[in-house]
N, C-alpha and C. Protein backbone atom coordinates (compact mmCIF):
# COMPACT_ATOMS: atom_id res chain seq x y z
N MET A 1 5.04 -25.54 -8.68
CA MET A 1 6.43 -25.17 -8.63
C MET A 1 6.74 -24.40 -7.34
N LYS A 2 5.82 -23.55 -6.92
CA LYS A 2 5.99 -22.76 -5.70
C LYS A 2 6.17 -23.69 -4.50
N TYR A 3 5.38 -24.77 -4.44
CA TYR A 3 5.46 -25.71 -3.34
C TYR A 3 6.78 -26.49 -3.35
N ILE A 4 7.23 -26.82 -4.52
CA ILE A 4 8.50 -27.56 -4.65
C ILE A 4 9.65 -26.67 -4.16
N LEU A 5 9.64 -25.40 -4.56
CA LEU A 5 10.67 -24.48 -4.13
C LEU A 5 10.63 -24.28 -2.62
N SER A 6 9.43 -24.15 -2.06
CA SER A 6 9.26 -24.00 -0.61
C SER A 6 9.78 -25.22 0.11
N PHE A 7 9.43 -26.41 -0.38
CA PHE A 7 9.89 -27.66 0.23
C PHE A 7 11.42 -27.74 0.18
N PHE A 8 12.01 -27.40 -0.96
CA PHE A 8 13.45 -27.44 -1.11
C PHE A 8 14.12 -26.50 -0.12
N THR A 9 13.60 -25.27 0.02
CA THR A 9 14.15 -24.30 0.96
C THR A 9 14.04 -24.81 2.39
N PHE A 10 12.88 -25.36 2.74
CA PHE A 10 12.66 -25.92 4.07
C PHE A 10 13.65 -27.06 4.35
N PHE A 11 13.82 -27.96 3.38
CA PHE A 11 14.74 -29.09 3.52
C PHE A 11 16.16 -28.59 3.75
N GLN A 12 16.60 -27.57 3.01
CA GLN A 12 17.94 -27.01 3.19
C GLN A 12 18.13 -26.45 4.60
N MET A 13 17.12 -25.75 5.09
CA MET A 13 17.21 -25.17 6.43
C MET A 13 17.36 -26.26 7.48
N ILE A 14 16.57 -27.32 7.36
CA ILE A 14 16.64 -28.44 8.31
C ILE A 14 18.00 -29.13 8.21
N PHE A 15 18.46 -29.37 7.01
CA PHE A 15 19.73 -30.05 6.79
C PHE A 15 20.88 -29.28 7.45
N PHE A 16 20.96 -27.99 7.21
CA PHE A 16 22.06 -27.20 7.77
C PHE A 16 21.91 -26.99 9.27
N ALA A 17 20.68 -26.92 9.76
CA ALA A 17 20.47 -26.75 11.19
C ALA A 17 20.89 -27.97 11.98
N CYS A 18 20.77 -29.15 11.38
CA CYS A 18 21.13 -30.39 12.07
C CYS A 18 22.61 -30.73 11.94
N GLY A 19 23.30 -30.09 11.03
CA GLY A 19 24.71 -30.39 10.82
C GLY A 19 25.58 -29.74 11.88
N GLN A 20 26.86 -30.08 11.84
CA GLN A 20 27.80 -29.50 12.78
C GLN A 20 27.97 -28.01 12.52
N GLN A 21 28.14 -27.25 13.56
CA GLN A 21 28.40 -25.82 13.47
C GLN A 21 29.91 -25.63 13.58
N ILE A 22 30.64 -26.02 12.55
CA ILE A 22 32.10 -25.95 12.58
C ILE A 22 32.54 -24.50 12.52
N PRO A 23 33.35 -24.07 13.47
CA PRO A 23 33.83 -22.68 13.45
C PRO A 23 34.62 -22.39 12.18
N ALA A 24 34.58 -21.13 11.75
CA ALA A 24 35.27 -20.73 10.53
C ALA A 24 36.78 -20.96 10.65
N LYS A 25 37.31 -20.74 11.85
CA LYS A 25 38.75 -20.93 12.04
C LYS A 25 38.99 -21.85 13.23
N LEU A 26 39.49 -23.03 12.94
CA LEU A 26 39.81 -23.99 14.00
C LEU A 26 41.30 -23.92 14.31
N PRO A 27 41.67 -24.24 15.55
CA PRO A 27 43.11 -24.36 15.84
C PRO A 27 43.71 -25.46 14.96
N HIS A 28 44.96 -25.33 14.66
CA HIS A 28 45.66 -26.29 13.80
C HIS A 28 46.17 -27.48 14.61
N LEU A 29 45.86 -28.70 14.14
CA LEU A 29 46.45 -29.91 14.72
C LEU A 29 47.56 -30.36 13.79
N GLN A 30 48.62 -30.90 14.34
CA GLN A 30 49.78 -31.26 13.54
C GLN A 30 49.50 -32.40 12.56
N ASN A 31 48.68 -33.36 12.97
CA ASN A 31 48.36 -34.51 12.14
C ASN A 31 47.01 -34.26 11.47
N GLU A 32 47.02 -34.16 10.14
CA GLU A 32 45.80 -33.84 9.38
C GLU A 32 44.71 -34.90 9.56
N GLU A 33 45.12 -36.17 9.64
CA GLU A 33 44.15 -37.26 9.84
C GLU A 33 43.49 -37.15 11.22
N PHE A 34 44.30 -36.84 12.23
CA PHE A 34 43.78 -36.66 13.59
C PHE A 34 42.84 -35.46 13.62
N ASP A 35 43.20 -34.40 12.92
CA ASP A 35 42.36 -33.21 12.84
C ASP A 35 40.98 -33.57 12.28
N LYS A 36 40.94 -34.35 11.23
CA LYS A 36 39.66 -34.76 10.63
C LYS A 36 38.86 -35.62 11.61
N LYS A 37 39.55 -36.49 12.34
CA LYS A 37 38.87 -37.35 13.31
C LYS A 37 38.24 -36.51 14.42
N VAL A 38 39.02 -35.59 14.97
CA VAL A 38 38.51 -34.73 16.05
C VAL A 38 37.33 -33.92 15.55
N GLU A 39 37.47 -33.32 14.38
CA GLU A 39 36.39 -32.52 13.81
C GLU A 39 35.11 -33.33 13.64
N SER A 40 35.25 -34.60 13.27
CA SER A 40 34.07 -35.45 13.06
C SER A 40 33.39 -35.85 14.37
N LEU A 41 34.12 -35.81 15.47
CA LEU A 41 33.57 -36.22 16.77
C LEU A 41 32.83 -35.10 17.50
N LEU A 42 33.17 -33.86 17.18
CA LEU A 42 32.63 -32.72 17.94
C LEU A 42 31.39 -32.11 17.28
N LEU A 43 30.54 -31.56 18.12
CA LEU A 43 29.38 -30.80 17.66
C LEU A 43 29.68 -29.30 17.67
N PHE A 44 30.77 -28.92 18.30
CA PHE A 44 31.18 -27.52 18.47
C PHE A 44 30.10 -26.74 19.23
N SER A 45 29.52 -27.42 20.20
CA SER A 45 28.53 -26.80 21.09
C SER A 45 29.21 -25.98 22.18
N VAL A 46 30.51 -26.14 22.30
CA VAL A 46 31.34 -25.39 23.24
C VAL A 46 32.48 -24.80 22.41
N PRO A 47 32.78 -23.52 22.57
CA PRO A 47 33.90 -22.94 21.81
C PRO A 47 35.20 -23.70 22.07
N VAL A 48 36.05 -23.75 21.06
CA VAL A 48 37.32 -24.46 21.19
C VAL A 48 38.48 -23.48 21.35
N ILE A 49 39.53 -24.01 21.96
CA ILE A 49 40.79 -23.27 22.13
C ILE A 49 41.90 -24.24 21.74
N GLY A 50 42.95 -23.74 21.13
CA GLY A 50 44.06 -24.58 20.70
C GLY A 50 45.07 -24.84 21.82
N VAL A 51 45.84 -25.90 21.67
CA VAL A 51 46.81 -26.25 22.71
C VAL A 51 47.92 -25.21 22.81
N GLU A 52 48.30 -24.62 21.70
CA GLU A 52 49.34 -23.59 21.75
C GLU A 52 48.85 -22.38 22.54
N GLU A 53 47.60 -21.98 22.30
CA GLU A 53 47.05 -20.85 23.04
C GLU A 53 46.96 -21.17 24.53
N LEU A 54 46.47 -22.38 24.87
CA LEU A 54 46.39 -22.75 26.28
C LEU A 54 47.78 -22.76 26.91
N ASN A 55 48.76 -23.29 26.22
CA ASN A 55 50.11 -23.32 26.76
C ASN A 55 50.60 -21.91 27.10
N ASN A 56 50.18 -20.93 26.33
CA ASN A 56 50.60 -19.54 26.55
C ASN A 56 49.83 -18.83 27.65
N ILE A 57 48.63 -19.33 28.01
CA ILE A 57 47.81 -18.63 29.00
C ILE A 57 47.45 -19.51 30.20
N GLN A 58 48.17 -20.60 30.38
CA GLN A 58 47.86 -21.57 31.44
C GLN A 58 47.61 -20.95 32.80
N SER A 59 48.39 -20.00 33.18
CA SER A 59 48.26 -19.42 34.52
C SER A 59 47.07 -18.47 34.64
N GLU A 60 46.42 -18.16 33.53
CA GLU A 60 45.31 -17.20 33.53
C GLU A 60 43.93 -17.87 33.50
N VAL A 61 43.90 -19.20 33.43
CA VAL A 61 42.62 -19.91 33.28
C VAL A 61 42.52 -21.06 34.28
N HIS A 62 41.31 -21.56 34.46
CA HIS A 62 41.08 -22.77 35.24
C HIS A 62 41.07 -23.93 34.25
N ILE A 63 41.88 -24.95 34.51
CA ILE A 63 41.97 -26.10 33.61
C ILE A 63 41.41 -27.32 34.33
N PHE A 64 40.47 -27.99 33.67
CA PHE A 64 39.84 -29.17 34.24
C PHE A 64 39.95 -30.36 33.30
N ASP A 65 40.23 -31.51 33.88
CA ASP A 65 40.37 -32.77 33.16
C ASP A 65 39.05 -33.53 33.23
N ALA A 66 38.47 -33.82 32.07
CA ALA A 66 37.17 -34.49 32.00
C ALA A 66 37.32 -35.96 31.59
N ARG A 67 38.37 -36.61 32.07
CA ARG A 67 38.55 -38.04 31.80
C ARG A 67 38.23 -38.80 33.08
N GLU A 68 38.53 -40.07 33.08
CA GLU A 68 38.33 -40.89 34.27
C GLU A 68 39.55 -40.75 35.19
N LYS A 69 39.37 -41.01 36.46
CA LYS A 69 40.42 -40.84 37.47
C LYS A 69 41.70 -41.61 37.09
N GLU A 70 41.54 -42.83 36.62
CA GLU A 70 42.69 -43.65 36.24
C GLU A 70 43.52 -42.97 35.15
N GLU A 71 42.86 -42.35 34.19
CA GLU A 71 43.56 -41.65 33.11
C GLU A 71 44.29 -40.43 33.66
N PHE A 72 43.61 -39.66 34.51
CA PHE A 72 44.18 -38.46 35.11
C PHE A 72 45.42 -38.80 35.92
N GLU A 73 45.38 -39.90 36.67
CA GLU A 73 46.51 -40.27 37.52
C GLU A 73 47.74 -40.66 36.73
N VAL A 74 47.57 -41.20 35.53
CA VAL A 74 48.72 -41.55 34.69
C VAL A 74 49.43 -40.26 34.28
N SER A 75 48.67 -39.30 33.77
CA SER A 75 49.24 -38.00 33.43
C SER A 75 48.13 -37.00 33.14
N HIS A 76 48.49 -35.74 33.31
CA HIS A 76 47.57 -34.65 33.01
C HIS A 76 48.38 -33.38 32.79
N ILE A 77 47.70 -32.34 32.35
CA ILE A 77 48.34 -31.05 32.13
C ILE A 77 48.67 -30.46 33.51
N PRO A 78 49.89 -29.94 33.67
CA PRO A 78 50.24 -29.33 34.96
C PRO A 78 49.21 -28.27 35.37
N GLY A 79 48.78 -28.34 36.61
CA GLY A 79 47.81 -27.38 37.13
C GLY A 79 46.36 -27.77 36.90
N ALA A 80 46.12 -28.81 36.12
CA ALA A 80 44.75 -29.23 35.85
C ALA A 80 44.15 -29.89 37.09
N VAL A 81 42.84 -29.74 37.24
CA VAL A 81 42.09 -30.33 38.34
C VAL A 81 41.19 -31.41 37.77
N PHE A 82 41.13 -32.54 38.45
CA PHE A 82 40.27 -33.64 38.00
C PHE A 82 38.80 -33.26 38.18
N LEU A 83 38.04 -33.37 37.10
CA LEU A 83 36.61 -33.10 37.13
C LEU A 83 35.79 -34.34 36.83
N GLY A 84 36.37 -35.23 36.03
CA GLY A 84 35.70 -36.48 35.71
C GLY A 84 34.72 -36.39 34.57
N TYR A 85 34.27 -37.56 34.15
CA TYR A 85 33.27 -37.65 33.08
C TYR A 85 32.09 -38.49 33.57
N GLN A 86 32.30 -39.78 33.78
CA GLN A 86 31.22 -40.64 34.28
C GLN A 86 30.78 -40.20 35.67
N ASP A 87 31.75 -39.83 36.48
CA ASP A 87 31.46 -39.40 37.86
C ASP A 87 31.62 -37.89 38.00
N PHE A 88 31.17 -37.15 37.00
CA PHE A 88 31.26 -35.69 37.00
C PHE A 88 30.65 -35.12 38.28
N ASP A 89 31.43 -34.28 38.96
CA ASP A 89 30.98 -33.70 40.22
C ASP A 89 31.10 -32.19 40.14
N PRO A 90 29.98 -31.49 39.89
CA PRO A 90 30.04 -30.04 39.75
C PRO A 90 30.49 -29.30 41.01
N SER A 91 30.46 -29.96 42.17
CA SER A 91 30.90 -29.29 43.40
C SER A 91 32.39 -28.93 43.35
N VAL A 92 33.15 -29.59 42.49
CA VAL A 92 34.57 -29.28 42.31
C VAL A 92 34.74 -27.82 41.87
N LEU A 93 33.70 -27.28 41.22
CA LEU A 93 33.76 -25.92 40.67
C LEU A 93 33.24 -24.85 41.62
N GLN A 94 32.92 -25.20 42.85
CA GLN A 94 32.30 -24.26 43.78
C GLN A 94 33.07 -22.95 43.93
N SER A 95 34.37 -23.00 43.94
CA SER A 95 35.16 -21.80 44.15
C SER A 95 35.47 -21.03 42.86
N VAL A 96 34.99 -21.53 41.73
CA VAL A 96 35.26 -20.89 40.44
C VAL A 96 34.11 -19.94 40.10
N PRO A 97 34.39 -18.64 39.98
CA PRO A 97 33.33 -17.70 39.59
C PRO A 97 32.76 -18.05 38.22
N LYS A 98 31.46 -17.85 38.06
CA LYS A 98 30.75 -18.24 36.83
C LYS A 98 31.27 -17.55 35.58
N ASN A 99 31.96 -16.40 35.72
CA ASN A 99 32.45 -15.69 34.54
C ASN A 99 33.96 -15.87 34.32
N ASP A 100 34.62 -16.70 35.12
CA ASP A 100 36.04 -16.99 34.89
C ASP A 100 36.21 -17.90 33.68
N LYS A 101 37.38 -17.82 33.04
CA LYS A 101 37.67 -18.63 31.87
C LYS A 101 38.05 -20.04 32.31
N ILE A 102 37.32 -21.02 31.76
CA ILE A 102 37.52 -22.44 32.07
C ILE A 102 37.88 -23.17 30.79
N VAL A 103 38.94 -23.99 30.85
CA VAL A 103 39.32 -24.83 29.72
C VAL A 103 39.20 -26.28 30.17
N LEU A 104 38.47 -27.05 29.38
CA LEU A 104 38.27 -28.48 29.64
C LEU A 104 39.00 -29.30 28.60
N TYR A 105 39.48 -30.45 29.02
CA TYR A 105 40.09 -31.37 28.06
C TYR A 105 39.82 -32.80 28.48
N CYS A 106 39.98 -33.70 27.52
CA CYS A 106 39.94 -35.15 27.79
C CYS A 106 41.05 -35.75 26.92
N SER A 107 40.80 -36.86 26.27
CA SER A 107 41.82 -37.43 25.39
C SER A 107 41.85 -36.72 24.04
N VAL A 108 40.67 -36.60 23.39
CA VAL A 108 40.60 -35.98 22.07
C VAL A 108 39.64 -34.79 22.00
N GLY A 109 38.76 -34.63 22.99
CA GLY A 109 37.85 -33.50 23.01
C GLY A 109 36.38 -33.82 23.09
N TYR A 110 36.00 -35.08 22.87
CA TYR A 110 34.58 -35.46 22.89
C TYR A 110 33.97 -35.35 24.29
N ARG A 111 34.61 -36.01 25.26
CA ARG A 111 34.07 -36.01 26.62
C ARG A 111 34.10 -34.60 27.23
N SER A 112 35.16 -33.87 26.96
CA SER A 112 35.24 -32.52 27.51
C SER A 112 34.18 -31.61 26.91
N GLU A 113 33.81 -31.84 25.67
CA GLU A 113 32.72 -31.05 25.09
C GLU A 113 31.41 -31.33 25.82
N LYS A 114 31.16 -32.59 26.13
CA LYS A 114 29.92 -32.96 26.85
C LYS A 114 29.89 -32.33 28.25
N ILE A 115 31.02 -32.34 28.94
CA ILE A 115 31.09 -31.71 30.26
C ILE A 115 30.95 -30.19 30.10
N GLY A 116 31.52 -29.63 29.05
CA GLY A 116 31.37 -28.21 28.78
C GLY A 116 29.92 -27.80 28.60
N GLU A 117 29.15 -28.64 27.94
CA GLU A 117 27.71 -28.37 27.77
C GLU A 117 27.04 -28.30 29.14
N LYS A 118 27.42 -29.21 30.03
CA LYS A 118 26.84 -29.22 31.38
C LYS A 118 27.21 -27.95 32.15
N LEU A 119 28.48 -27.51 32.01
CA LEU A 119 28.91 -26.31 32.70
C LEU A 119 28.16 -25.08 32.19
N LYS A 120 27.93 -25.03 30.90
CA LYS A 120 27.16 -23.91 30.35
C LYS A 120 25.74 -23.91 30.92
N GLN A 121 25.15 -25.11 31.08
CA GLN A 121 23.82 -25.21 31.66
C GLN A 121 23.82 -24.77 33.12
N LEU A 122 24.96 -24.93 33.79
CA LEU A 122 25.09 -24.51 35.19
C LEU A 122 25.37 -23.01 35.32
N GLY A 123 25.50 -22.32 34.20
CA GLY A 123 25.68 -20.88 34.23
C GLY A 123 27.09 -20.36 34.02
N TYR A 124 28.05 -21.23 33.75
CA TYR A 124 29.41 -20.77 33.47
C TYR A 124 29.43 -20.18 32.06
N THR A 125 30.02 -19.00 31.94
CA THR A 125 29.90 -18.24 30.69
C THR A 125 31.12 -18.31 29.77
N GLN A 126 32.28 -18.66 30.30
CA GLN A 126 33.49 -18.71 29.49
C GLN A 126 34.10 -20.10 29.54
N VAL A 127 33.42 -21.04 28.91
CA VAL A 127 33.84 -22.44 28.91
C VAL A 127 34.42 -22.76 27.53
N TYR A 128 35.59 -23.37 27.52
CA TYR A 128 36.26 -23.72 26.27
C TYR A 128 36.69 -25.18 26.29
N ASN A 129 36.63 -25.80 25.12
CA ASN A 129 37.06 -27.18 24.94
C ASN A 129 38.42 -27.17 24.24
N LEU A 130 39.39 -27.87 24.79
CA LEU A 130 40.73 -27.92 24.21
C LEU A 130 40.71 -28.78 22.95
N TYR A 131 40.89 -28.16 21.80
CA TYR A 131 40.80 -28.85 20.51
C TYR A 131 41.99 -29.81 20.34
N GLY A 132 41.70 -31.08 20.20
CA GLY A 132 42.74 -32.11 20.12
C GLY A 132 43.13 -32.62 21.49
N SER A 133 42.74 -31.89 22.51
CA SER A 133 42.88 -32.25 23.92
C SER A 133 44.26 -32.77 24.29
N LEU A 134 44.30 -33.73 25.22
CA LEU A 134 45.59 -34.18 25.76
C LEU A 134 46.46 -34.86 24.71
N PHE A 135 45.84 -35.52 23.74
CA PHE A 135 46.65 -36.18 22.71
C PHE A 135 47.45 -35.14 21.92
N GLU A 136 46.81 -34.04 21.53
CA GLU A 136 47.54 -32.99 20.80
C GLU A 136 48.55 -32.32 21.71
N TRP A 137 48.21 -32.15 22.98
CA TRP A 137 49.15 -31.58 23.96
C TRP A 137 50.44 -32.42 23.98
N ALA A 138 50.29 -33.73 24.06
CA ALA A 138 51.45 -34.63 24.06
C ALA A 138 52.18 -34.59 22.72
N ASN A 139 51.43 -34.52 21.63
CA ASN A 139 52.05 -34.47 20.30
C ASN A 139 52.91 -33.22 20.12
N ARG A 140 52.62 -32.18 20.87
CA ARG A 140 53.40 -30.94 20.79
C ARG A 140 54.55 -30.93 21.80
N ASP A 141 54.71 -32.03 22.53
CA ASP A 141 55.78 -32.13 23.54
C ASP A 141 55.60 -31.15 24.69
N TYR A 142 54.37 -30.77 24.98
CA TYR A 142 54.12 -29.93 26.14
C TYR A 142 54.17 -30.82 27.38
N PRO A 143 54.47 -30.25 28.54
CA PRO A 143 54.70 -31.08 29.73
C PRO A 143 53.45 -31.79 30.25
N LEU A 144 53.69 -32.96 30.79
CA LEU A 144 52.68 -33.77 31.47
C LEU A 144 53.20 -34.08 32.86
N VAL A 145 52.29 -34.21 33.82
CA VAL A 145 52.67 -34.61 35.17
C VAL A 145 51.81 -35.79 35.60
N ASP A 146 52.33 -36.57 36.53
CA ASP A 146 51.59 -37.72 37.04
C ASP A 146 50.76 -37.31 38.27
N LYS A 147 50.18 -38.30 38.95
CA LYS A 147 49.30 -37.99 40.09
C LYS A 147 50.03 -37.32 41.25
N LYS A 148 51.36 -37.45 41.28
CA LYS A 148 52.14 -36.79 42.34
C LYS A 148 52.68 -35.43 41.89
N GLY A 149 52.34 -35.03 40.67
CA GLY A 149 52.81 -33.75 40.15
C GLY A 149 54.20 -33.79 39.57
N LYS A 150 54.74 -35.00 39.39
CA LYS A 150 56.09 -35.15 38.84
C LYS A 150 56.01 -35.29 37.32
N PRO A 151 56.98 -34.72 36.61
CA PRO A 151 57.00 -34.84 35.14
C PRO A 151 56.98 -36.30 34.70
N THR A 152 56.24 -36.56 33.63
CA THR A 152 56.17 -37.92 33.08
C THR A 152 56.01 -37.84 31.57
N LYS A 153 56.37 -38.92 30.91
CA LYS A 153 56.16 -39.04 29.47
C LYS A 153 55.02 -40.03 29.19
N LYS A 154 54.40 -40.55 30.25
CA LYS A 154 53.30 -41.50 30.06
C LYS A 154 52.00 -40.77 29.75
N ILE A 155 51.19 -41.43 28.95
CA ILE A 155 49.86 -40.90 28.65
C ILE A 155 48.89 -42.08 28.52
N HIS A 156 47.76 -41.96 29.17
CA HIS A 156 46.72 -42.99 29.08
C HIS A 156 45.96 -42.74 27.78
N THR A 157 46.06 -43.69 26.86
CA THR A 157 45.45 -43.50 25.54
C THR A 157 44.11 -44.23 25.39
N TYR A 158 43.52 -44.61 26.48
CA TYR A 158 42.21 -45.25 26.56
C TYR A 158 42.26 -46.71 26.10
N ASN A 159 42.70 -46.96 24.87
CA ASN A 159 42.89 -48.33 24.39
C ASN A 159 43.84 -48.31 23.19
N ARG A 160 44.17 -49.47 22.69
CA ARG A 160 45.11 -49.57 21.57
C ARG A 160 44.63 -48.79 20.35
N ASN A 161 43.34 -48.85 20.05
CA ASN A 161 42.81 -48.17 18.87
C ASN A 161 43.01 -46.65 18.94
N TRP A 162 42.72 -46.06 20.08
CA TRP A 162 42.85 -44.61 20.22
C TRP A 162 44.31 -44.18 20.33
N SER A 163 45.19 -45.09 20.73
CA SER A 163 46.60 -44.71 20.93
C SER A 163 47.29 -44.29 19.63
N LYS A 164 46.72 -44.65 18.49
CA LYS A 164 47.35 -44.27 17.21
C LYS A 164 47.39 -42.76 17.01
N TRP A 165 46.57 -42.01 17.77
CA TRP A 165 46.53 -40.56 17.60
C TRP A 165 47.62 -39.84 18.39
N VAL A 166 48.36 -40.57 19.22
CA VAL A 166 49.53 -39.99 19.88
C VAL A 166 50.74 -40.45 19.07
N GLU A 167 51.47 -39.51 18.54
CA GLU A 167 52.59 -39.82 17.64
C GLU A 167 53.65 -40.65 18.36
N GLU A 168 54.21 -41.60 17.63
CA GLU A 168 55.26 -42.46 18.18
C GLU A 168 56.43 -41.61 18.66
N GLY A 169 56.93 -41.95 19.85
CA GLY A 169 58.07 -41.26 20.40
C GLY A 169 57.73 -40.00 21.20
N LYS A 170 56.47 -39.56 21.14
CA LYS A 170 56.08 -38.35 21.87
C LYS A 170 55.74 -38.67 23.33
N ALA A 171 55.25 -39.87 23.57
CA ALA A 171 54.86 -40.26 24.92
C ALA A 171 54.83 -41.77 25.02
N GLU A 172 54.94 -42.27 26.23
CA GLU A 172 54.80 -43.71 26.48
C GLU A 172 53.31 -43.99 26.66
N LYS A 173 52.75 -44.77 25.76
CA LYS A 173 51.31 -45.02 25.75
C LYS A 173 50.95 -46.17 26.68
N VAL A 174 49.98 -45.91 27.55
CA VAL A 174 49.46 -46.95 28.44
C VAL A 174 47.94 -46.94 28.35
N TRP A 175 47.33 -48.11 28.62
CA TRP A 175 45.87 -48.19 28.65
C TRP A 175 45.43 -49.31 29.55
């Protein structure tokens, strides 16, 4: 019996250690289905920040876009700097002090979490992943700009399947 109890305890520890480390309090996404999708995609290896909070502190943080160049050029958060995903170039961060607050985003948060992990490995201490990322930003009607910095309602939704997470009428979906 002692061995069975020990095995059961060991199994529980392994099971919970391998599972997602979901924070006790996540930012609220407007669409409950989208919220569940985002939560299922993330490992929460990088702390998250909500779009409403970012909108309120935009001028106080460094914002980086972890999508592909084509997506960034269609639209991005005003003031965001292209960092990339496939062609991630850490030299873009040369002028950013390692202890400054950095917020990363992509379409839904998966790619930005992966880039956030890399930044943490490079020694950046205040790295945050935008929960719901650009899709939630658009769903809240927060401003987007194109590659020339001009306001736009377009958003690159990667493909038709992912475009369902941007609410109808909130943005013009392109892929």
